[in-house]
Amino acid sequence: MAETTTIRISRETHARVTRLAALRHETIDETVSKAIRALRQDAMARDLSTELTEDEMAWLDADAG
């Protein structure tokens, strides 16, 4: 494993992530990394699902030639 550090989380959160990692047959580090990736993907999906602004529409409609 790469160099590590400590983060402070509640005992409840620690127990939940430990259980989830065990269910997934992963380390806690792998589970947390995947959770962070999923949160980032969710944020990107929300950004992509918003309506385009007038400026964005104009940019898309612009002549590329």
PDB file of N, CA and C in Angstrom:
ATOM      1  N   MET A   1       0.846  -1.176   0.000  1.00  0.00           N
ATOM      2  CA  MET A   1       0.000   0.000   0.000  1.00  0.00           C
ATOM      3  C   MET A   1       0.890   1.237   0.000  1.00  0.00           C
ATOM      4  N   ALA A   2       0.369   2.314  -0.546  1.00  0.00           N
ATOM      5  CA  ALA A   2       1.089   3.579  -0.603  1.00  0.00           C
ATOM      6  C   ALA A   2       1.249   4.169   0.791  1.00  0.00           C
ATOM      7  N   GLU A   3       1.987   5.232   0.860  1.00  0.00           N
ATOM      8  CA  GLU A   3       2.145   5.947   2.125  1.00  0.00           C
ATOM      9  C   GLU A   3       0.773   6.292   2.680  1.00  0.00           C
ATOM     10  N   THR A   4       0.621   6.254   3.987  1.00  0.00           N
ATOM     11  CA  THR A   4      -0.695   6.450   4.594  1.00  0.00           C
ATOM     12  C   THR A   4      -0.713   7.648   5.523  1.00  0.00           C
ATOM     13  N   THR A   5      -1.917   8.021   5.908  1.00  0.00           N
ATOM     14  CA  THR A   5      -2.145   9.071   6.898  1.00  0.00           C
ATOM     15  C   THR A   5      -3.398   8.693   7.675  1.00  0.00           C
ATOM     16  N   THR A   6      -3.734   9.479   8.642  1.00  0.00           N
ATOM     17  CA  THR A   6      -4.896   9.215   9.486  1.00  0.00           C
ATOM     18  C   THR A   6      -5.941  10.295   9.266  1.00  0.00           C
ATOM     19  N   ILE A   7      -7.206   9.884   9.184  1.00  0.00           N
ATOM     20  CA  ILE A   7      -8.310  10.836   9.164  1.00  0.00           C
ATOM     21  C   ILE A   7      -9.220  10.512  10.331  1.00  0.00           C
ATOM     22  N   ARG A   8      -9.823  11.537  10.902  1.00  0.00           N
ATOM     23  CA  ARG A   8     -10.706  11.334  12.046  1.00  0.00           C
ATOM     24  C   ARG A   8     -12.131  11.192  11.543  1.00  0.00           C
ATOM     25  N   ILE A   9     -12.740  10.067  11.878  1.00  0.00           N
ATOM     26  CA  ILE A   9     -14.139   9.822  11.554  1.00  0.00           C
ATOM     27  C   ILE A   9     -14.803   9.252  12.802  1.00  0.00           C
ATOM     28  N   SER A  10     -16.108   9.335  12.843  1.00  0.00           N
ATOM     29  CA  SER A  10     -16.820   8.805  14.001  1.00  0.00           C
ATOM     30  C   SER A  10     -16.685   7.289  14.041  1.00  0.00           C
ATOM     31  N   ARG A  11     -16.891   6.725  15.209  1.00  0.00           N
ATOM     32  CA  ARG A  11     -16.851   5.262  15.335  1.00  0.00           C
ATOM     33  C   ARG A  11     -17.947   4.625  14.484  1.00  0.00           C
ATOM     34  N   GLU A  12     -19.100   5.281  14.413  1.00  0.00           N
ATOM     35  CA  GLU A  12     -20.199   4.758  13.601  1.00  0.00           C
ATOM     36  C   GLU A  12     -19.804   4.698  12.124  1.00  0.00           C
ATOM     37  N   THR A  13     -19.211   5.766  11.615  1.00  0.00           N
ATOM     38  CA  THR A  13     -18.776   5.775  10.220  1.00  0.00           C
ATOM     39  C   THR A  13     -17.704   4.720   9.987  1.00  0.00           C
ATOM     40  N   HIS A  14     -16.789   4.592  10.919  1.00  0.00           N
ATOM     41  CA  HIS A  14     -15.743   3.573  10.793  1.00  0.00           C
ATOM     42  C   HIS A  14     -16.359   2.174  10.729  1.00  0.00           C
ATOM     43  N   ALA A  15     -17.324   1.915  11.581  1.00  0.00           N
ATOM     44  CA  ALA A  15     -17.975   0.603  11.582  1.00  0.00           C
ATOM     45  C   ALA A  15     -18.705   0.372  10.261  1.00  0.00           C
ATOM     46  N   ARG A  16     -19.367   1.393   9.748  1.00  0.00           N
ATOM     47  CA  ARG A  16     -20.107   1.252   8.495  1.00  0.00           C
ATOM     48  C   ARG A  16     -19.170   0.973   7.328  1.00  0.00           C
ATOM     49  N   VAL A  17     -18.070   1.698   7.240  1.00  0.00           N
ATOM     50  CA  VAL A  17     -17.149   1.491   6.124  1.00  0.00           C
ATOM     51  C   VAL A  17     -16.420   0.158   6.272  1.00  0.00           C
ATOM     52  N   THR A  18     -16.161  -0.259   7.489  1.00  0.00           N
ATOM     53  CA  THR A  18     -15.539  -1.562   7.719  1.00  0.00           C
ATOM     54  C   THR A  18     -16.461  -2.683   7.258  1.00  0.00           C
ATOM     55  N   ARG A  19     -17.753  -2.581   7.624  1.00  0.00           N
ATOM     56  CA  ARG A  19     -18.726  -3.592   7.189  1.00  0.00           C
ATOM     57  C   ARG A  19     -18.859  -3.614   5.662  1.00  0.00           C
ATOM     58  N   LEU A  20     -18.934  -2.437   5.071  1.00  0.00           N
ATOM     59  CA  LEU A  20     -19.074  -2.354   3.618  1.00  0.00           C
ATOM     60  C   LEU A  20     -17.854  -2.953   2.920  1.00  0.00           C
ATOM     61  N   ALA A  21     -16.674  -2.637   3.406  1.00  0.00           N
ATOM     62  CA  ALA A  21     -15.453  -3.197   2.819  1.00  0.00           C
ATOM     63  C   ALA A  21     -15.452  -4.715   2.931  1.00  0.00           C
ATOM     64  N   ALA A  22     -15.853  -5.223   4.072  1.00  0.00           N
ATOM     65  CA  ALA A  22     -15.887  -6.679   4.267  1.00  0.00           C
ATOM     66  C   ALA A  22     -16.884  -7.326   3.307  1.00  0.00           C
ATOM     67  N   LEU A  23     -18.051  -6.722   3.141  1.00  0.00           N
ATOM     68  CA  LEU A  23     -19.051  -7.255   2.221  1.00  0.00           C
ATOM     69  C   LEU A  23     -18.548  -7.267   0.782  1.00  0.00           C
ATOM     70  N   ARG A  24     -17.730  -6.280   0.449  1.00  0.00           N
ATOM     71  CA  ARG A  24     -17.212  -6.157  -0.914  1.00  0.00           C
ATOM     72  C   ARG A  24     -15.888  -6.890  -1.104  1.00  0.00           C
ATOM     73  N   HIS A  25     -15.381  -7.498  -0.030  1.00  0.00           N
ATOM     74  CA  HIS A  25     -14.092  -8.192  -0.073  1.00  0.00           C
ATOM     75  C   HIS A  25     -12.980  -7.251  -0.535  1.00  0.00           C
ATOM     76  N   GLU A  26     -12.977  -6.056   0.059  1.00  0.00           N
ATOM     77  CA  GLU A  26     -12.000  -5.023  -0.259  1.00  0.00           C
ATOM     78  C   GLU A  26     -11.371  -4.522   1.031  1.00  0.00           C
ATOM     79  N   THR A  27     -10.289  -3.789   0.863  1.00  0.00           N
ATOM     80  CA  THR A  27      -9.734  -3.076   2.007  1.00  0.00           C
ATOM     81  C   THR A  27     -10.573  -1.823   2.237  1.00  0.00           C
ATOM     82  N   ILE A  28     -10.452  -1.248   3.410  1.00  0.00           N
ATOM     83  CA  ILE A  28     -11.138   0.018   3.686  1.00  0.00           C
ATOM     84  C   ILE A  28     -10.659   1.078   2.705  1.00  0.00           C
ATOM     85  N   ASP A  29      -9.362   1.095   2.422  1.00  0.00           N
ATOM     86  CA  ASP A  29      -8.807   2.075   1.488  1.00  0.00           C
ATOM     87  C   ASP A  29      -9.463   1.944   0.108  1.00  0.00           C
ATOM     88  N   GLU A  30      -9.617   0.726  -0.380  1.00  0.00           N
ATOM     89  CA  GLU A  30     -10.254   0.522  -1.687  1.00  0.00           C
ATOM     90  C   GLU A  30     -11.703   0.994  -1.668  1.00  0.00           C
ATOM     91  N   THR A  31     -12.410   0.682  -0.599  1.00  0.00           N
ATOM     92  CA  THR A  31     -13.815   1.073  -0.493  1.00  0.00           C
ATOM     93  C   THR A  31     -13.961   2.590  -0.441  1.00  0.00           C
ATOM     94  N   VAL A  32     -13.147   3.246   0.338  1.00  0.00           N
ATOM     95  CA  VAL A  32     -13.212   4.707   0.434  1.00  0.00           C
ATOM     96  C   VAL A  32     -12.827   5.340  -0.902  1.00  0.00           C
ATOM     97  N   SER A  33     -11.805   4.819  -1.557  1.00  0.00           N
ATOM     98  CA  SER A  33     -11.403   5.355  -2.867  1.00  0.00           C
ATOM     99  C   SER A  33     -12.537   5.238  -3.876  1.00  0.00           C
ATOM    100  N   LYS A  34     -13.209   4.094  -3.882  1.00  0.00           N
ATOM    101  CA  LYS A  34     -14.329   3.902  -4.805  1.00  0.00           C
ATOM    102  C   LYS A  34     -15.502   4.807  -4.454  1.00  0.00           C
ATOM    103  N   ALA A  35     -15.722   5.038  -3.173  1.00  0.00           N
ATOM    104  CA  ALA A  35     -16.802   5.942  -2.754  1.00  0.00           C
ATOM    105  C   ALA A  35     -16.511   7.367  -3.201  1.00  0.00           C
ATOM    106  N   ILE A  36     -15.269   7.785  -3.078  1.00  0.00           N
ATOM    107  CA  ILE A  36     -14.886   9.130  -3.518  1.00  0.00           C
ATOM    108  C   ILE A  36     -15.075   9.263  -5.020  1.00  0.00           C
ATOM    109  N   ARG A  37     -14.658   8.242  -5.765  1.00  0.00           N
ATOM    110  CA  ARG A  37     -14.839   8.265  -7.216  1.00  0.00           C
ATOM    111  C   ARG A  37     -16.321   8.348  -7.575  1.00  0.00           C
ATOM    112  N   ALA A  38     -17.155   7.580  -6.890  1.00  0.00           N
ATOM    113  CA  ALA A  38     -18.596   7.599  -7.157  1.00  0.00           C
ATOM    114  C   ALA A  38     -19.190   8.970  -6.864  1.00  0.00           C
ATOM    115  N   LEU A  39     -18.748   9.610  -5.801  1.00  0.00           N
ATOM    116  CA  LEU A  39     -19.237  10.956  -5.482  1.00  0.00           C
ATOM    117  C   LEU A  39     -18.831  11.955  -6.558  1.00  0.00           C
ATOM    118  N   ARG A  40     -17.597  11.845  -7.051  1.00  0.00           N
ATOM    119  CA  ARG A  40     -17.145  12.740  -8.118  1.00  0.00           C
ATOM    120  C   ARG A  40     -17.942  12.503  -9.393  1.00  0.00           C
ATOM    121  N   GLN A  41     -18.200  11.231  -9.723  1.00  0.00           N
ATOM    122  CA  GLN A  41     -18.990  10.913 -10.908  1.00  0.00           C
ATOM    123  C   GLN A  41     -20.414  11.440 -10.776  1.00  0.00           C
ATOM    124  N   ASP A  42     -20.979  11.339  -9.589  1.00  0.00           N
ATOM    125  CA  ASP A  42     -22.323  11.858  -9.344  1.00  0.00           C
ATOM    126  C   ASP A  42     -22.360  13.363  -9.558  1.00  0.00           C
ATOM    127  N   ALA A  43     -21.340  14.059  -9.071  1.00  0.00           N
ATOM    128  CA  ALA A  43     -21.281  15.517  -9.252  1.00  0.00           C
ATOM    129  C   ALA A  43     -21.159  15.864 -10.735  1.00  0.00           C
ATOM    130  N   MET A  44     -20.355  15.109 -11.475  1.00  0.00           N
ATOM    131  CA  MET A  44     -20.226  15.357 -12.914  1.00  0.00           C
ATOM    132  C   MET A  44     -21.546  15.105 -13.630  1.00  0.00           C
ATOM    133  N   ALA A  45     -22.245  14.052 -13.247  1.00  0.00           N
ATOM    134  CA  ALA A  45     -23.536  13.743 -13.871  1.00  0.00           C
ATOM    135  C   ALA A  45     -24.544  14.859 -13.622  1.00  0.00           C
ATOM    136  N   ARG A  46     -24.547  15.393 -12.398  1.00  0.00           N
ATOM    137  CA  ARG A  46     -25.456  16.513 -12.101  1.00  0.00           C
ATOM    138  C   ARG A  46     -25.108  17.718 -12.951  1.00  0.00           C
ATOM    139  N   ASP A  47     -23.802  18.005 -13.103  1.00  0.00           N
ATOM    140  CA  ASP A  47     -23.375  19.134 -13.927  1.00  0.00           C
ATOM    141  C   ASP A  47     -23.797  18.941 -15.380  1.00  0.00           C
ATOM    142  N   LEU A  48     -23.670  17.729 -15.882  1.00  0.00           N
ATOM    143  CA  LEU A  48     -24.005  17.457 -17.274  1.00  0.00           C
ATOM    144  C   LEU A  48     -25.508  17.460 -17.531  1.00  0.00           C
ATOM    145  N   SER A  49     -26.296  17.264 -16.495  1.00  0.00           N
ATOM    146  CA  SER A  49     -27.743  17.198 -16.685  1.00  0.00           C
ATOM    147  C   SER A  49     -28.423  18.569 -16.598  1.00  0.00           C
ATOM    148  N   THR A  50     -27.668  19.613 -16.261  1.00  0.00           N
ATOM    149  CA  THR A  50     -28.261  20.944 -16.181  1.00  0.00           C
ATOM    150  C   THR A  50     -28.440  21.524 -17.581  1.00  0.00           C
ATOM    151  N   GLU A  51     -29.389  22.421 -17.708  1.00  0.00           N
ATOM    152  CA  GLU A  51     -29.629  23.082 -18.987  1.00  0.00           C
ATOM    153  C   GLU A  51     -28.418  23.930 -19.371  1.00  0.00           C
ATOM    154  N   LEU A  52     -28.155  23.987 -20.672  1.00  0.00           N
ATOM    155  CA  LEU A  52     -27.053  24.811 -21.149  1.00  0.00           C
ATOM    156  C   LEU A  52     -27.431  26.282 -21.073  1.00  0.00           C
ATOM    157  N   THR A  53     -26.435  27.126 -20.818  1.00  0.00           N
ATOM    158  CA  THR A  53     -26.657  28.573 -20.805  1.00  0.00           C
ATOM    159  C   THR A  53     -26.733  29.071 -22.251  1.00  0.00           C
ATOM    160  N   GLU A  54     -27.161  30.295 -22.417  1.00  0.00           N
ATOM    161  CA  GLU A  54     -27.215  30.881 -23.767  1.00  0.00           C
ATOM    162  C   GLU A  54     -25.827  30.936 -24.381  1.00  0.00           C
ATOM    163  N   ASP A  55     -24.812  31.280 -23.589  1.00  0.00           N
ATOM    164  CA  ASP A  55     -23.429  31.324 -24.087  1.00  0.00           C
ATOM    165  C   ASP A  55     -22.963  29.946 -24.553  1.00  0.00           C
ATOM    166  N   GLU A  56     -23.299  28.923 -23.795  1.00  0.00           N
ATOM    167  CA  GLU A  56     -22.905  27.560 -24.176  1.00  0.00           C
ATOM    168  C   GLU A  56     -23.601  27.141 -25.466  1.00  0.00           C
ATOM    169  N   MET A  57     -24.874  27.487 -25.590  1.00  0.00           N
ATOM    170  CA  MET A  57     -25.612  27.162 -26.806  1.00  0.00           C
ATOM    171  C   MET A  57     -25.007  27.889 -28.008  1.00  0.00           C
ATOM    172  N   ALA A  58     -24.654  29.161 -27.827  1.00  0.00           N
ATOM    173  CA  ALA A  58     -24.052  29.936 -28.909  1.00  0.00           C
ATOM    174  C   ALA A  58     -22.718  29.315 -29.317  1.00  0.00           C
ATOM    175  N   TRP A  59     -21.941  28.876 -28.347  1.00  0.00           N
ATOM    176  CA  TRP A  59     -20.655  28.258 -28.628  1.00  0.00           C
ATOM    177  C   TRP A  59     -20.847  26.969 -29.442  1.00  0.00           C
ATOM    178  N   LEU A  60     -21.836  26.176 -29.041  1.00  0.00           N
ATOM    179  CA  LEU A  60     -22.103  24.928 -29.758  1.00  0.00           C
ATOM    180  C   LEU A  60     -22.606  25.172 -31.175  1.00  0.00           C
ATOM    181  N   ASP A  61     -23.335  26.272 -31.361  1.00  0.00           N
ATOM    182  CA  ASP A  61     -23.896  26.587 -32.678  1.00  0.00           C
ATOM    183  C   ASP A  61     -22.917  27.349 -33.572  1.00  0.00           C
ATOM    184  N   ALA A  62     -21.761  27.739 -33.032  1.00  0.00           N
ATOM    185  CA  ALA A  62     -20.812  28.566 -33.787  1.00  0.00           C
ATOM    186  C   ALA A  62     -20.238  27.781 -34.964  1.00  0.00           C
ATOM    187  N   ASP A  63     -19.911  28.522 -36.017  1.00  0.00           N
ATOM    188  CA  ASP A  63     -19.288  27.937 -37.200  1.00  0.00           C
ATOM    189  C   ASP A  63     -17.842  27.607 -36.886  1.00  0.00           C
ATOM    190  N   ALA A  64     -17.469  26.369 -37.079  1.00  0.00           N
ATOM    191  CA  ALA A  64     -16.100  25.931 -36.763  1.00  0.00           C
ATOM    192  C   ALA A  64     -15.126  26.233 -37.894  1.00  0.00           C
ATOM    193  N   GLY A  65     -15.594  26.732 -39.002  1.00  0.00           N
ATOM    194  CA  GLY A  65     -14.756  26.920 -40.167  1.00  0.00           C
ATOM    195  C   GLY A  65     -14.215  28.285 -40.232  1.00  0.00           C
TER     196      GLY A  65
END
